[in-house]
Amino acid sequence: MYSQKDIEDIVRKAICAIEFKQEPATLYEPLEYMMAIGGKRLRPRLCLTTYSLFKDNIDNNIIMPSLALELFHSFTLMHDDIMDNAELRRGKPAIHAKWGENSAILCGDALSILSLKFLEGYKGPEFRRLVELFSDMAVLVMEGQQYDMDFEDMPVVTMDDYLKMIGLKTAALIACAAKMGAIIGGAGEQVCDALYQFGWELGLAFQITDDYLDTFGDPQIFGKKVGGDIENNKKTWLLVECQKLVSGDDRLRLEALLAQTDDMPGKVAAMQALYKKHDVDSRAIEAISKYYDSSLAALDGLGLDEDRLASLTEFARGLVYRKY
């Protein structure tokens, strides 16, 4: 049975072993840079974790598809950073900040195609099923990203709409990772579907945690500037919840802060104070716990081995209750 430490080591070594073409260097050097700057690698780790619920032989037949998830995720990050005007990624210059927007767009496109090449590394009877799962996920992620951009032009977003957006943009890929490992591991359809639901609920908890840390995290640990979402008026769980709660003078204060285009440190501090005044920070923590608990509830009654299931629970807890 593989521990989370074993799986982390396998993923790290596999990513380090990825070899991109050398020419043109202006295309492949940014790809190497993106893959080398680290991250949680949660999607390939989750894929290997769910696979190891059923199998004890982690080899290229599962490693390659798991890396496809990481390459696809990295592609979305490259483009997200452009759309969000984010200058840092994991504490280092984002691709568009270092090589320019045109290069970042092209490099992201290259990673999206290369992710399919890595998916082809799976050799087995479930290949068509994996391709369908992967392509369906890719469409959902694009839909989520479009909703995210649409929200930028909307003064108010409902919580239901926000949860739909992060489900598509974030949870779909995590759910795909969980189900992919189960499919390759030979799990039955009911178990695969339950693990997909597990991943979806976990993805919601993960994104709300990310929203929380962007506002209240430690930048030295979080790896990017705290308050970026506030500066860009990004629709996060915290902002959506705050808009739902405030009234009177505080609503006017919130509207003024959203209209503010100067003194960004002051804007961030004022928004943090407004969130705390209305307990938005504590409500976010409650929401994170709710979706985390829902993710574990999806696994009830499946008859999974308790020792192996403990590794999956350890992964989930480390993902949600993190500081970065």
C-alpha atoms as a PDB file:
ATOM      1  CA  MET A   1       0.000   0.000   0.000  1.00  0.00           C
ATOM      2  CA  TYR A   2       1.316   3.441  -0.929  1.00  0.00           C
ATOM      3  CA  SER A   3       1.483   6.251   1.610  1.00  0.00           C
ATOM      4  CA  GLN A   4       0.887   9.878   0.712  1.00  0.00           C
ATOM      5  CA  LYS A   5       4.648  10.428   1.017  1.00  0.00           C
ATOM      6  CA  ASP A   6       5.246   7.608  -1.490  1.00  0.00           C
ATOM      7  CA  ILE A   7       2.740   9.128  -3.917  1.00  0.00           C
ATOM      8  CA  GLU A   8       4.185  12.623  -3.566  1.00  0.00           C
ATOM      9  CA  ASP A   9       7.652  11.239  -4.341  1.00  0.00           C
ATOM     10  CA  ILE A  10       6.381   9.346  -7.382  1.00  0.00           C
ATOM     11  CA  VAL A  11       4.667  12.435  -8.793  1.00  0.00           C
ATOM     12  CA  ARG A  12       7.657  14.683  -8.108  1.00  0.00           C
ATOM     13  CA  LYS A  13      10.078  12.297  -9.826  1.00  0.00           C
ATOM     14  CA  ALA A  14       7.723  11.804 -12.770  1.00  0.00           C
ATOM     15  CA  ILE A  15       7.376  15.546 -13.328  1.00  0.00           C
ATOM     16  CA  CYS A  16      11.134  16.039 -13.052  1.00  0.00           C
ATOM     17  CA  ALA A  17      11.593  13.343 -15.694  1.00  0.00           C
ATOM     18  CA  ILE A  18       9.389  15.085 -18.273  1.00  0.00           C
ATOM     19  CA  GLU A  19      11.495  16.045 -21.280  1.00  0.00           C
ATOM     20  CA  PHE A  20      10.271  18.721 -23.636  1.00  0.00           C
ATOM     21  CA  LYS A  21      11.704  19.342 -27.086  1.00  0.00           C
ATOM     22  CA  GLN A  22      14.581  21.802 -27.259  1.00  0.00           C
ATOM     23  CA  GLU A  23      13.468  23.826 -30.262  1.00  0.00           C
ATOM     24  CA  PRO A  24      12.045  26.340 -30.513  1.00  0.00           C
ATOM     25  CA  ALA A  25      13.430  27.309 -27.128  1.00  0.00           C
ATOM     26  CA  THR A  26      10.973  30.206 -26.865  1.00  0.00           C
ATOM     27  CA  LEU A  27       8.153  27.658 -26.763  1.00  0.00           C
ATOM     28  CA  TYR A  28       9.635  24.918 -24.600  1.00  0.00           C
ATOM     29  CA  GLU A  29      11.664  26.886 -22.056  1.00  0.00           C
ATOM     30  CA  PRO A  30       8.523  28.468 -20.565  1.00  0.00           C
ATOM     31  CA  LEU A  31       6.958  24.994 -20.340  1.00  0.00           C
ATOM     32  CA  GLU A  32       9.945  23.682 -18.412  1.00  0.00           C
ATOM     33  CA  TYR A  33       9.822  26.740 -16.163  1.00  0.00           C
ATOM     34  CA  MET A  34       6.110  26.260 -15.479  1.00  0.00           C
ATOM     35  CA  MET A  35       6.484  22.605 -14.597  1.00  0.00           C
ATOM     36  CA  ALA A  36       9.535  23.271 -12.435  1.00  0.00           C
ATOM     37  CA  ILE A  37       8.160  25.985 -10.145  1.00  0.00           C
ATOM     38  CA  GLY A  38       6.288  23.500  -8.023  1.00  0.00           C
ATOM     39  CA  GLY A  39       2.795  23.512  -6.665  1.00  0.00           C
ATOM     40  CA  LYS A  40       0.641  21.059  -4.793  1.00  0.00           C
ATOM     41  CA  ARG A  41       0.421  18.589  -7.723  1.00  0.00           C
ATOM     42  CA  LEU A  42      -2.893  17.632  -6.166  1.00  0.00           C
ATOM     43  CA  ARG A  43      -4.527  16.295  -9.339  1.00  0.00           C
ATOM     44  CA  PRO A  44      -1.944  13.624 -10.215  1.00  0.00           C
ATOM     45  CA  ARG A  45      -1.595  12.825  -6.512  1.00  0.00           C
ATOM     46  CA  LEU A  46      -5.348  12.315  -6.197  1.00  0.00           C
ATOM     47  CA  CYS A  47      -5.409  10.166  -9.328  1.00  0.00           C
ATOM     48  CA  LEU A  48      -2.685   7.902  -7.923  1.00  0.00           C
ATOM     49  CA  THR A  49      -4.355   7.867  -4.506  1.00  0.00           C
ATOM     50  CA  THR A  50      -7.710   6.639  -5.820  1.00  0.00           C
ATOM     51  CA  TYR A  51      -5.918   4.137  -8.064  1.00  0.00           C
ATOM     52  CA  SER A  52      -4.026   2.781  -5.050  1.00  0.00           C
ATOM     53  CA  LEU A  53      -7.370   2.054  -3.359  1.00  0.00           C
ATOM     54  CA  PHE A  54      -7.581  -0.897  -5.739  1.00  0.00           C
ATOM     55  CA  LYS A  55      -4.086  -1.676  -7.046  1.00  0.00           C
ATOM     56  CA  ASP A  56      -0.563  -1.996  -5.651  1.00  0.00           C
ATOM     57  CA  ASN A  57       1.443  -1.534  -8.853  1.00  0.00           C
ATOM     58  CA  ILE A  58       1.954   2.123  -9.712  1.00  0.00           C
ATOM     59  CA  ASP A  59       3.553   2.141 -13.166  1.00  0.00           C
ATOM     60  CA  ASN A  60       3.508   4.231 -16.332  1.00  0.00           C
ATOM     61  CA  ASN A  61       0.011   3.018 -17.180  1.00  0.00           C
ATOM     62  CA  ILE A  62      -1.320   5.190 -14.348  1.00  0.00           C
ATOM     63  CA  ILE A  63       1.513   7.713 -14.036  1.00  0.00           C
ATOM     64  CA  MET A  64       1.202   9.019 -17.592  1.00  0.00           C
ATOM     65  CA  PRO A  65      -2.551   9.752 -17.398  1.00  0.00           C
ATOM     66  CA  SER A  66      -2.048  11.361 -13.998  1.00  0.00           C
ATOM     67  CA  LEU A  67       0.536  13.698 -15.528  1.00  0.00           C
ATOM     68  CA  ALA A  68      -1.955  14.574 -18.270  1.00  0.00           C
ATOM     69  CA  LEU A  69      -4.087  16.115 -15.527  1.00  0.00           C
ATOM     70  CA  GLU A  70      -1.169  18.221 -14.287  1.00  0.00           C
ATOM     71  CA  LEU A  71      -0.258  19.457 -17.758  1.00  0.00           C
ATOM     72  CA  PHE A  72      -3.848  20.401 -18.466  1.00  0.00           C
ATOM     73  CA  HIS A  73      -4.097  22.206 -15.132  1.00  0.00           C
ATOM     74  CA  SER A  74      -0.866  24.092 -15.856  1.00  0.00           C
ATOM     75  CA  PHE A  75      -2.300  25.173 -19.206  1.00  0.00           C
ATOM     76  CA  THR A  76      -5.332  26.663 -17.457  1.00  0.00           C
ATOM     77  CA  LEU A  77      -3.098  28.476 -14.963  1.00  0.00           C
ATOM     78  CA  MET A  78      -1.074  30.120 -17.732  1.00  0.00           C
ATOM     79  CA  HIS A  79      -4.210  31.544 -19.305  1.00  0.00           C
ATOM     80  CA  ASP A  80      -5.850  32.365 -15.963  1.00  0.00           C
ATOM     81  CA  ASP A  81      -2.866  34.466 -14.947  1.00  0.00           C
ATOM     82  CA  ILE A  82      -3.270  36.555 -18.088  1.00  0.00           C
ATOM     83  CA  MET A  83      -7.009  37.025 -17.557  1.00  0.00           C
ATOM     84  CA  ASP A  84      -6.551  37.836 -13.848  1.00  0.00           C
ATOM     85  CA  ASN A  85      -3.572  40.177 -14.382  1.00  0.00           C
ATOM     86  CA  ALA A  86      -1.660  38.016 -11.892  1.00  0.00           C
ATOM     87  CA  GLU A  87       2.048  38.794 -11.987  1.00  0.00           C
ATOM     88  CA  LEU A  88       3.117  35.974  -9.660  1.00  0.00           C
ATOM     89  CA  ARG A  89       2.574  32.250  -9.782  1.00  0.00           C
ATOM     90  CA  ARG A  90       3.774  30.243  -6.779  1.00  0.00           C
ATOM     91  CA  GLY A  91       5.903  33.157  -5.669  1.00  0.00           C
ATOM     92  CA  LYS A  92       7.689  33.544  -9.025  1.00  0.00           C
ATOM     93  CA  PRO A  93       6.977  35.625 -12.139  1.00  0.00           C
ATOM     94  CA  ALA A  94       4.048  34.269 -14.128  1.00  0.00           C
ATOM     95  CA  ILE A  95       4.729  33.119 -17.683  1.00  0.00           C
ATOM     96  CA  HIS A  96       3.143  36.188 -19.273  1.00  0.00           C
ATOM     97  CA  ALA A  97       5.117  38.482 -16.951  1.00  0.00           C
ATOM     98  CA  LYS A  98       8.389  36.785 -17.897  1.00  0.00           C
ATOM     99  CA  TRP A  99       7.895  36.013 -21.599  1.00  0.00           C
ATOM    100  CA  GLY A 100       4.939  38.169 -22.648  1.00  0.00           C
ATOM    101  CA  GLU A 101       1.254  37.463 -23.183  1.00  0.00           C
ATOM    102  CA  ASN A 102       1.560  36.065 -26.703  1.00  0.00           C
ATOM    103  CA  SER A 103       4.115  33.489 -25.605  1.00  0.00           C
ATOM    104  CA  ALA A 104       2.018  32.573 -22.570  1.00  0.00           C
ATOM    105  CA  ILE A 105      -1.043  31.983 -24.737  1.00  0.00           C
ATOM    106  CA  LEU A 106       0.864  29.779 -27.162  1.00  0.00           C
ATOM    107  CA  CYS A 107       2.640  27.880 -24.393  1.00  0.00           C
ATOM    108  CA  GLY A 108      -0.669  27.234 -22.677  1.00  0.00           C
ATOM    109  CA  ASP A 109      -2.090  25.911 -25.930  1.00  0.00           C
ATOM    110  CA  ALA A 110       0.922  23.615 -26.273  1.00  0.00           C
ATOM    111  CA  LEU A 111       0.413  22.202 -22.783  1.00  0.00           C
ATOM    112  CA  SER A 112      -3.252  21.502 -23.495  1.00  0.00           C
ATOM    113  CA  ILE A 113      -2.273  19.408 -26.532  1.00  0.00           C
ATOM    114  CA  LEU A 114       0.625  17.732 -24.756  1.00  0.00           C
ATOM    115  CA  SER A 115      -1.745  16.686 -21.974  1.00  0.00           C
ATOM    116  CA  LEU A 116      -3.557  14.534 -24.545  1.00  0.00           C
ATOM    117  CA  LYS A 117      -0.257  12.971 -25.593  1.00  0.00           C
ATOM    118  CA  PHE A 118       0.354  11.985 -21.980  1.00  0.00           C
ATOM    119  CA  LEU A 119      -3.159  10.548 -21.728  1.00  0.00           C
ATOM    120  CA  GLU A 120      -2.191   8.290 -24.627  1.00  0.00           C
ATOM    121  CA  GLY A 121       0.370   6.773 -22.262  1.00  0.00           C
ATOM    122  CA  TYR A 122      -2.417   4.609 -20.865  1.00  0.00           C
ATOM    123  CA  LYS A 123      -2.515   1.235 -22.589  1.00  0.00           C
ATOM    124  CA  GLY A 124      -5.621  -0.677 -21.678  1.00  0.00           C
ATOM    125  CA  PRO A 125      -9.248  -1.442 -22.453  1.00  0.00           C
ATOM    126  CA  GLU A 126     -10.613   1.681 -20.739  1.00  0.00           C
ATOM    127  CA  PHE A 127      -8.820   4.170 -22.995  1.00  0.00           C
ATOM    128  CA  ARG A 128     -11.950   5.400 -24.773  1.00  0.00           C
ATOM    129  CA  ARG A 129     -13.671   5.854 -21.410  1.00  0.00           C
ATOM    130  CA  LEU A 130     -10.724   7.905 -20.154  1.00  0.00           C
ATOM    131  CA  VAL A 131     -10.716  10.096 -23.263  1.00  0.00           C
ATOM    132  CA  GLU A 132     -14.429  10.781 -22.842  1.00  0.00           C
ATOM    133  CA  LEU A 133     -13.964  11.612 -19.156  1.00  0.00           C
ATOM    134  CA  PHE A 134     -11.000  13.886 -19.935  1.00  0.00           C
ATOM    135  CA  SER A 135     -12.634  15.704 -22.856  1.00  0.00           C
ATOM    136  CA  ASP A 136     -15.880  16.194 -20.948  1.00  0.00           C
ATOM    137  CA  MET A 137     -13.864  17.672 -18.087  1.00  0.00           C
ATOM    138  CA  ALA A 138     -12.029  20.033 -20.442  1.00  0.00           C
ATOM    139  CA  VAL A 139     -15.312  21.418 -21.770  1.00  0.00           C
ATOM    140  CA  LEU A 140     -16.631  21.931 -18.232  1.00  0.00           C
ATOM    141  CA  VAL A 141     -13.480  23.815 -17.235  1.00  0.00           C
ATOM    142  CA  MET A 142     -13.819  26.138 -20.230  1.00  0.00           C
ATOM    143  CA  GLU A 143     -17.455  26.779 -19.385  1.00  0.00           C
ATOM    144  CA  GLY A 144     -16.459  27.610 -15.827  1.00  0.00           C
ATOM    145  CA  GLN A 145     -13.783  30.002 -16.990  1.00  0.00           C
ATOM    146  CA  GLN A 146     -16.278  31.773 -19.226  1.00  0.00           C
ATOM    147  CA  TYR A 147     -18.708  32.169 -16.334  1.00  0.00           C
ATOM    148  CA  ASP A 148     -15.842  33.541 -14.258  1.00  0.00           C
ATOM    149  CA  MET A 149     -15.127  36.164 -16.921  1.00  0.00           C
ATOM    150  CA  ASP A 150     -18.824  36.935 -17.351  1.00  0.00           C
ATOM    151  CA  PHE A 151     -19.061  37.623 -13.620  1.00  0.00           C
ATOM    152  CA  GLU A 152     -16.530  40.439 -13.991  1.00  0.00           C
ATOM    153  CA  ASP A 153     -19.177  42.544 -15.727  1.00  0.00           C
ATOM    154  CA  MET A 154     -21.950  41.684 -13.274  1.00  0.00           C
ATOM    155  CA  PRO A 155     -22.327  43.877 -10.177  1.00  0.00           C
ATOM    156  CA  VAL A 156     -23.842  41.050  -8.121  1.00  0.00           C
ATOM    157  CA  VAL A 157     -23.620  37.261  -8.428  1.00  0.00           C
ATOM    158  CA  THR A 158     -25.782  34.829  -6.506  1.00  0.00           C
ATOM    159  CA  MET A 159     -24.135  32.157  -4.386  1.00  0.00           C
ATOM    160  CA  ASP A 160     -25.776  29.446  -6.491  1.00  0.00           C
ATOM    161  CA  ASP A 161     -24.210  30.923  -9.627  1.00  0.00           C
ATOM    162  CA  TYR A 162     -20.855  31.235  -7.914  1.00  0.00           C
ATOM    163  CA  LEU A 163     -20.906  27.608  -6.754  1.00  0.00           C
ATOM    164  CA  LYS A 164     -21.866  26.514 -10.262  1.00  0.00           C
ATOM    165  CA  MET A 165     -18.903  28.431 -11.665  1.00  0.00           C
ATOM    166  CA  ILE A 166     -16.297  26.994  -9.281  1.00  0.00           C
ATOM    167  CA  GLY A 167     -17.806  23.551  -9.748  1.00  0.00           C
ATOM    168  CA  LEU A 168     -17.114  23.778 -13.459  1.00  0.00           C
ATOM    169  CA  LYS A 169     -13.824  25.641 -13.309  1.00  0.00           C
ATOM    170  CA  THR A 170     -12.188  23.896 -10.346  1.00  0.00           C
ATOM    171  CA  ALA A 171     -14.129  20.907  -9.031  1.00  0.00           C
ATOM    172  CA  ALA A 172     -14.595  19.215 -12.415  1.00  0.00           C
ATOM    173  CA  LEU A 173     -10.854  18.647 -12.855  1.00  0.00           C
ATOM    174  CA  ILE A 174     -10.423  17.351  -9.316  1.00  0.00           C
ATOM    175  CA  ALA A 175     -13.419  15.047  -9.753  1.00  0.00           C
ATOM    176  CA  CYS A 176     -11.960  13.830 -13.044  1.00  0.00           C
ATOM    177  CA  ALA A 177      -8.683  12.995 -11.304  1.00  0.00           C
ATOM    178  CA  ALA A 178     -10.458  10.979  -8.623  1.00  0.00           C
ATOM    179  CA  LYS A 179     -12.545   9.028 -11.120  1.00  0.00           C
ATOM    180  CA  MET A 180      -9.677   8.452 -13.540  1.00  0.00           C
ATOM    181  CA  GLY A 181      -7.614   6.689 -10.896  1.00  0.00           C
ATOM    182  CA  ALA A 182     -10.581   4.512  -9.968  1.00  0.00           C
ATOM    183  CA  ILE A 183     -11.295   3.570 -13.597  1.00  0.00           C
ATOM    184  CA  ILE A 184      -7.702   2.557 -14.255  1.00  0.00           C
ATOM    185  CA  GLY A 185      -7.682   0.723 -10.922  1.00  0.00           C
ATOM    186  CA  GLY A 186     -10.588  -1.415 -12.100  1.00  0.00           C
ATOM    187  CA  ALA A 187     -13.266  -0.133  -9.720  1.00  0.00           C
ATOM    188  CA  GLY A 188     -16.939  -0.694 -10.446  1.00  0.00           C
ATOM    189  CA  GLU A 189     -19.122   2.011 -11.938  1.00  0.00           C
ATOM    190  CA  GLN A 190     -20.849   2.855  -8.655  1.00  0.00           C
ATOM    191  CA  VAL A 191     -17.528   3.333  -6.891  1.00  0.00           C
ATOM    192  CA  CYS A 192     -16.130   5.408  -9.777  1.00  0.00           C
ATOM    193  CA  ASP A 193     -19.172   7.665  -9.674  1.00  0.00           C
ATOM    194  CA  ALA A 194     -18.925   8.025  -5.893  1.00  0.00           C
ATOM    195  CA  LEU A 195     -15.276   9.014  -6.164  1.00  0.00           C
ATOM    196  CA  TYR A 196     -16.214  11.566  -8.823  1.00  0.00           C
ATOM    197  CA  GLN A 197     -18.718  13.064  -6.376  1.00  0.00           C
ATOM    198  CA  PHE A 198     -16.060  12.954  -3.665  1.00  0.00           C
ATOM    199  CA  GLY A 199     -13.717  14.914  -5.921  1.00  0.00           C
ATOM    200  CA  TRP A 200     -16.407  17.424  -6.864  1.00  0.00           C
ATOM    201  CA  GLU A 201     -17.279  18.259  -3.242  1.00  0.00           C
ATOM    202  CA  LEU A 202     -13.599  18.363  -2.347  1.00  0.00           C
ATOM    203  CA  GLY A 203     -13.016  20.750  -5.245  1.00  0.00           C
ATOM    204  CA  LEU A 204     -15.626  23.153  -3.898  1.00  0.00           C
ATOM    205  CA  ALA A 205     -13.972  23.081  -0.468  1.00  0.00           C
ATOM    206  CA  PHE A 206     -10.576  23.583  -2.097  1.00  0.00           C
ATOM    207  CA  GLN A 207     -11.664  26.658  -4.089  1.00  0.00           C
ATOM    208  CA  ILE A 208     -13.359  28.326  -1.138  1.00  0.00           C
ATOM    209  CA  THR A 209     -10.170  27.707   0.835  1.00  0.00           C
ATOM    210  CA  ASP A 210      -8.220  29.348  -1.985  1.00  0.00           C
ATOM    211  CA  ASP A 211     -10.568  32.347  -1.906  1.00  0.00           C
ATOM    212  CA  TYR A 212     -10.131  32.616   1.855  1.00  0.00           C
ATOM    213  CA  LEU A 213      -6.339  32.399   1.699  1.00  0.00           C
ATOM    214  CA  ASP A 214      -6.152  35.017  -1.058  1.00  0.00           C
ATOM    215  CA  THR A 215      -7.665  37.468   1.435  1.00  0.00           C
ATOM    216  CA  PHE A 216      -6.514  36.209   4.824  1.00  0.00           C
ATOM    217  CA  GLY A 217      -3.503  34.011   4.076  1.00  0.00           C
ATOM    218  CA  ASP A 218       0.168  34.623   4.819  1.00  0.00           C
ATOM    219  CA  PRO A 219       1.829  35.727   1.529  1.00  0.00           C
ATOM    220  CA  GLN A 220       5.115  34.126   2.574  1.00  0.00           C
ATOM    221  CA  ILE A 221       3.352  30.769   2.810  1.00  0.00           C
ATOM    222  CA  PHE A 222       0.592  31.251   0.237  1.00  0.00           C
ATOM    223  CA  GLY A 223       3.090  31.885  -2.570  1.00  0.00           C
ATOM    224  CA  LYS A 224       1.363  34.889  -4.103  1.00  0.00           C
ATOM    225  CA  LYS A 225       0.304  38.357  -3.069  1.00  0.00           C
ATOM    226  CA  VAL A 226      -2.592  38.392  -0.642  1.00  0.00           C
ATOM    227  CA  GLY A 227      -5.453  40.658  -1.705  1.00  0.00           C
ATOM    228  CA  GLY A 228      -5.137  40.183  -5.440  1.00  0.00           C
ATOM    229  CA  ASP A 229      -8.756  39.112  -5.721  1.00  0.00           C
ATOM    230  CA  ILE A 230      -9.851  42.223  -3.841  1.00  0.00           C
ATOM    231  CA  GLU A 231      -7.755  44.514  -6.014  1.00  0.00           C
ATOM    232  CA  ASN A 232      -9.324  43.034  -9.158  1.00  0.00           C
ATOM    233  CA  ASN A 233     -12.874  42.962  -7.747  1.00  0.00           C
ATOM    234  CA  LYS A 234     -12.888  39.238  -8.458  1.00  0.00           C
ATOM    235  CA  LYS A 235     -16.087  37.417  -7.577  1.00  0.00           C
ATOM    236  CA  THR A 236     -14.986  35.132  -4.759  1.00  0.00           C
ATOM    237  CA  TRP A 237     -17.006  33.253  -2.159  1.00  0.00           C
ATOM    238  CA  LEU A 238     -16.189  36.022   0.316  1.00  0.00           C
ATOM    239  CA  LEU A 239     -17.359  38.867  -1.906  1.00  0.00           C
ATOM    240  CA  VAL A 240     -20.530  37.050  -2.957  1.00  0.00           C
ATOM    241  CA  GLU A 241     -21.367  36.284   0.672  1.00  0.00           C
ATOM    242  CA  CYS A 242     -20.612  39.842   1.752  1.00  0.00           C
ATOM    243  CA  GLN A 243     -22.852  41.327  -0.934  1.00  0.00           C
ATOM    244  CA  LYS A 244     -25.630  39.098   0.317  1.00  0.00           C
ATOM    245  CA  LEU A 245     -25.207  40.236   3.941  1.00  0.00           C
ATOM    246  CA  VAL A 246     -24.525  43.975   3.916  1.00  0.00           C
ATOM    247  CA  SER A 247     -27.109  46.723   3.946  1.00  0.00           C
ATOM    248  CA  GLY A 248     -27.352  50.459   4.655  1.00  0.00           C
ATOM    249  CA  ASP A 249     -24.046  52.262   5.176  1.00  0.00           C
ATOM    250  CA  ASP A 250     -22.036  49.066   4.854  1.00  0.00           C
ATOM    251  CA  ARG A 251     -23.527  48.376   1.435  1.00  0.00           C
ATOM    252  CA  LEU A 252     -22.557  51.877   0.342  1.00  0.00           C
ATOM    253  CA  ARG A 253     -19.096  51.278   1.799  1.00  0.00           C
ATOM    254  CA  LEU A 254     -18.769  48.039  -0.133  1.00  0.00           C
ATOM    255  CA  GLU A 255     -19.859  49.686  -3.375  1.00  0.00           C
ATOM    256  CA  ALA A 256     -17.341  52.486  -2.826  1.00  0.00           C
ATOM    257  CA  LEU A 257     -14.557  49.992  -2.252  1.00  0.00           C
ATOM    258  CA  LEU A 258     -15.445  48.088  -5.416  1.00  0.00           C
ATOM    259  CA  ALA A 259     -15.289  51.369  -7.354  1.00  0.00           C
ATOM    260  CA  GLN A 260     -11.920  52.332  -5.843  1.00  0.00           C
ATOM    261  CA  THR A 261      -9.013  52.210  -8.307  1.00  0.00           C
ATOM    262  CA  ASP A 262      -6.201  53.708  -6.220  1.00  0.00           C
ATOM    263  CA  ASP A 263      -4.551  52.969  -2.850  1.00  0.00           C
ATOM    264  CA  MET A 264      -4.795  49.221  -3.297  1.00  0.00           C
ATOM    265  CA  PRO A 265      -3.260  48.385   0.114  1.00  0.00           C
ATOM    266  CA  GLY A 266      -5.915  50.598   1.733  1.00  0.00           C
ATOM    267  CA  LYS A 267      -8.646  48.942  -0.334  1.00  0.00           C
ATOM    268  CA  VAL A 268      -7.508  45.465   0.721  1.00  0.00           C
ATOM    269  CA  ALA A 269      -7.346  46.398   4.391  1.00  0.00           C
ATOM    270  CA  ALA A 270     -10.782  48.034   4.304  1.00  0.00           C
ATOM    271  CA  MET A 271     -12.339  45.041   2.571  1.00  0.00           C
ATOM    272  CA  GLN A 272     -10.749  42.654   5.048  1.00  0.00           C
ATOM    273  CA  ALA A 273     -12.235  44.716   7.879  1.00  0.00           C
ATOM    274  CA  LEU A 274     -15.675  44.690   6.253  1.00  0.00           C
ATOM    275  CA  TYR A 275     -15.523  40.928   5.813  1.00  0.00           C
ATOM    276  CA  LYS A 276     -14.610  40.452   9.458  1.00  0.00           C
ATOM    277  CA  LYS A 277     -17.335  42.831  10.624  1.00  0.00           C
ATOM    278  CA  HIS A 278     -19.948  40.630   8.954  1.00  0.00           C
ATOM    279  CA  ASP A 279     -18.249  37.329   9.900  1.00  0.00           C
ATOM    280  CA  VAL A 280     -17.608  36.499   6.272  1.00  0.00           C
ATOM    281  CA  ASP A 281     -14.266  34.984   7.240  1.00  0.00           C
ATOM    282  CA  SER A 282     -15.822  32.579   9.758  1.00  0.00           C
ATOM    283  CA  ARG A 283     -18.696  31.799   7.375  1.00  0.00           C
ATOM    284  CA  ALA A 284     -16.143  30.827   4.733  1.00  0.00           C
ATOM    285  CA  ILE A 285     -14.480  28.427   7.161  1.00  0.00           C
ATOM    286  CA  GLU A 286     -17.889  26.901   7.907  1.00  0.00           C
ATOM    287  CA  ALA A 287     -18.569  26.461   4.190  1.00  0.00           C
ATOM    288  CA  ILE A 288     -15.193  24.785   3.715  1.00  0.00           C
ATOM    289  CA  SER A 289     -16.005  22.312   6.487  1.00  0.00           C
ATOM    290  CA  LYS A 290     -19.442  21.669   4.986  1.00  0.00           C
ATOM    291  CA  TYR A 291     -18.096  20.666   1.583  1.00  0.00           C
ATOM    292  CA  TYR A 292     -15.214  18.728   3.093  1.00  0.00           C
ATOM    293  CA  ASP A 293     -17.681  16.678   5.139  1.00  0.00           C
ATOM    294  CA  SER A 294     -19.830  16.171   2.031  1.00  0.00           C
ATOM    295  CA  SER A 295     -16.839  14.844   0.136  1.00  0.00           C
ATOM    296  CA  LEU A 296     -16.216  12.173   2.772  1.00  0.00           C
ATOM    297  CA  ALA A 297     -19.922  11.350   2.970  1.00  0.00           C
ATOM    298  CA  ALA A 298     -19.839  10.427  -0.731  1.00  0.00           C
ATOM    299  CA  LEU A 299     -17.616   7.475   0.206  1.00  0.00           C
ATOM    300  CA  ASP A 300     -19.954   6.017   2.822  1.00  0.00           C
ATOM    301  CA  GLY A 301     -21.182   2.498   2.259  1.00  0.00           C
ATOM    302  CA  LEU A 302     -18.837   1.630  -0.600  1.00  0.00           C
ATOM    303  CA  GLY A 303     -17.026  -1.086   1.322  1.00  0.00           C
ATOM    304  CA  LEU A 304     -13.582   0.360   0.636  1.00  0.00           C
ATOM    305  CA  ASP A 305     -10.634  -0.951   2.625  1.00  0.00           C
ATOM    306  CA  GLU A 306     -10.350   1.209   5.744  1.00  0.00           C
ATOM    307  CA  ASP A 307      -6.537   1.388   5.727  1.00  0.00           C
ATOM    308  CA  ARG A 308      -6.454   2.435   2.085  1.00  0.00           C
ATOM    309  CA  LEU A 309      -9.316   4.847   2.619  1.00  0.00           C
ATOM    310  CA  ALA A 310      -7.314   6.496   5.403  1.00  0.00           C
ATOM    311  CA  SER A 311      -4.744   7.560   2.807  1.00  0.00           C
ATOM    312  CA  LEU A 312      -7.468   9.238   0.744  1.00  0.00           C
ATOM    313  CA  THR A 313      -8.827  10.989   3.827  1.00  0.00           C
ATOM    314  CA  GLU A 314      -5.317  12.168   4.698  1.00  0.00           C
ATOM    315  CA  PHE A 315      -5.005  13.628   1.203  1.00  0.00           C
ATOM    316  CA  ALA A 316      -8.363  15.408   1.470  1.00  0.00           C
ATOM    317  CA  ARG A 317      -7.651  16.899   4.870  1.00  0.00           C
ATOM    318  CA  GLY A 318      -4.228  18.140   3.796  1.00  0.00           C
ATOM    319  CA  LEU A 319      -5.748  19.753   0.713  1.00  0.00           C
ATOM    320  CA  VAL A 320      -8.549  21.610   2.452  1.00  0.00           C
ATOM    321  CA  TYR A 321      -7.039  22.507   5.805  1.00  0.00           C
ATOM    322  CA  ARG A 322      -3.894  24.053   4.435  1.00  0.00           C
ATOM    323  CA  LYS A 323      -2.137  27.408   4.684  1.00  0.00           C
ATOM    324  CA  TYR A 324      -1.044  27.686   1.057  1.00  0.00           C
END
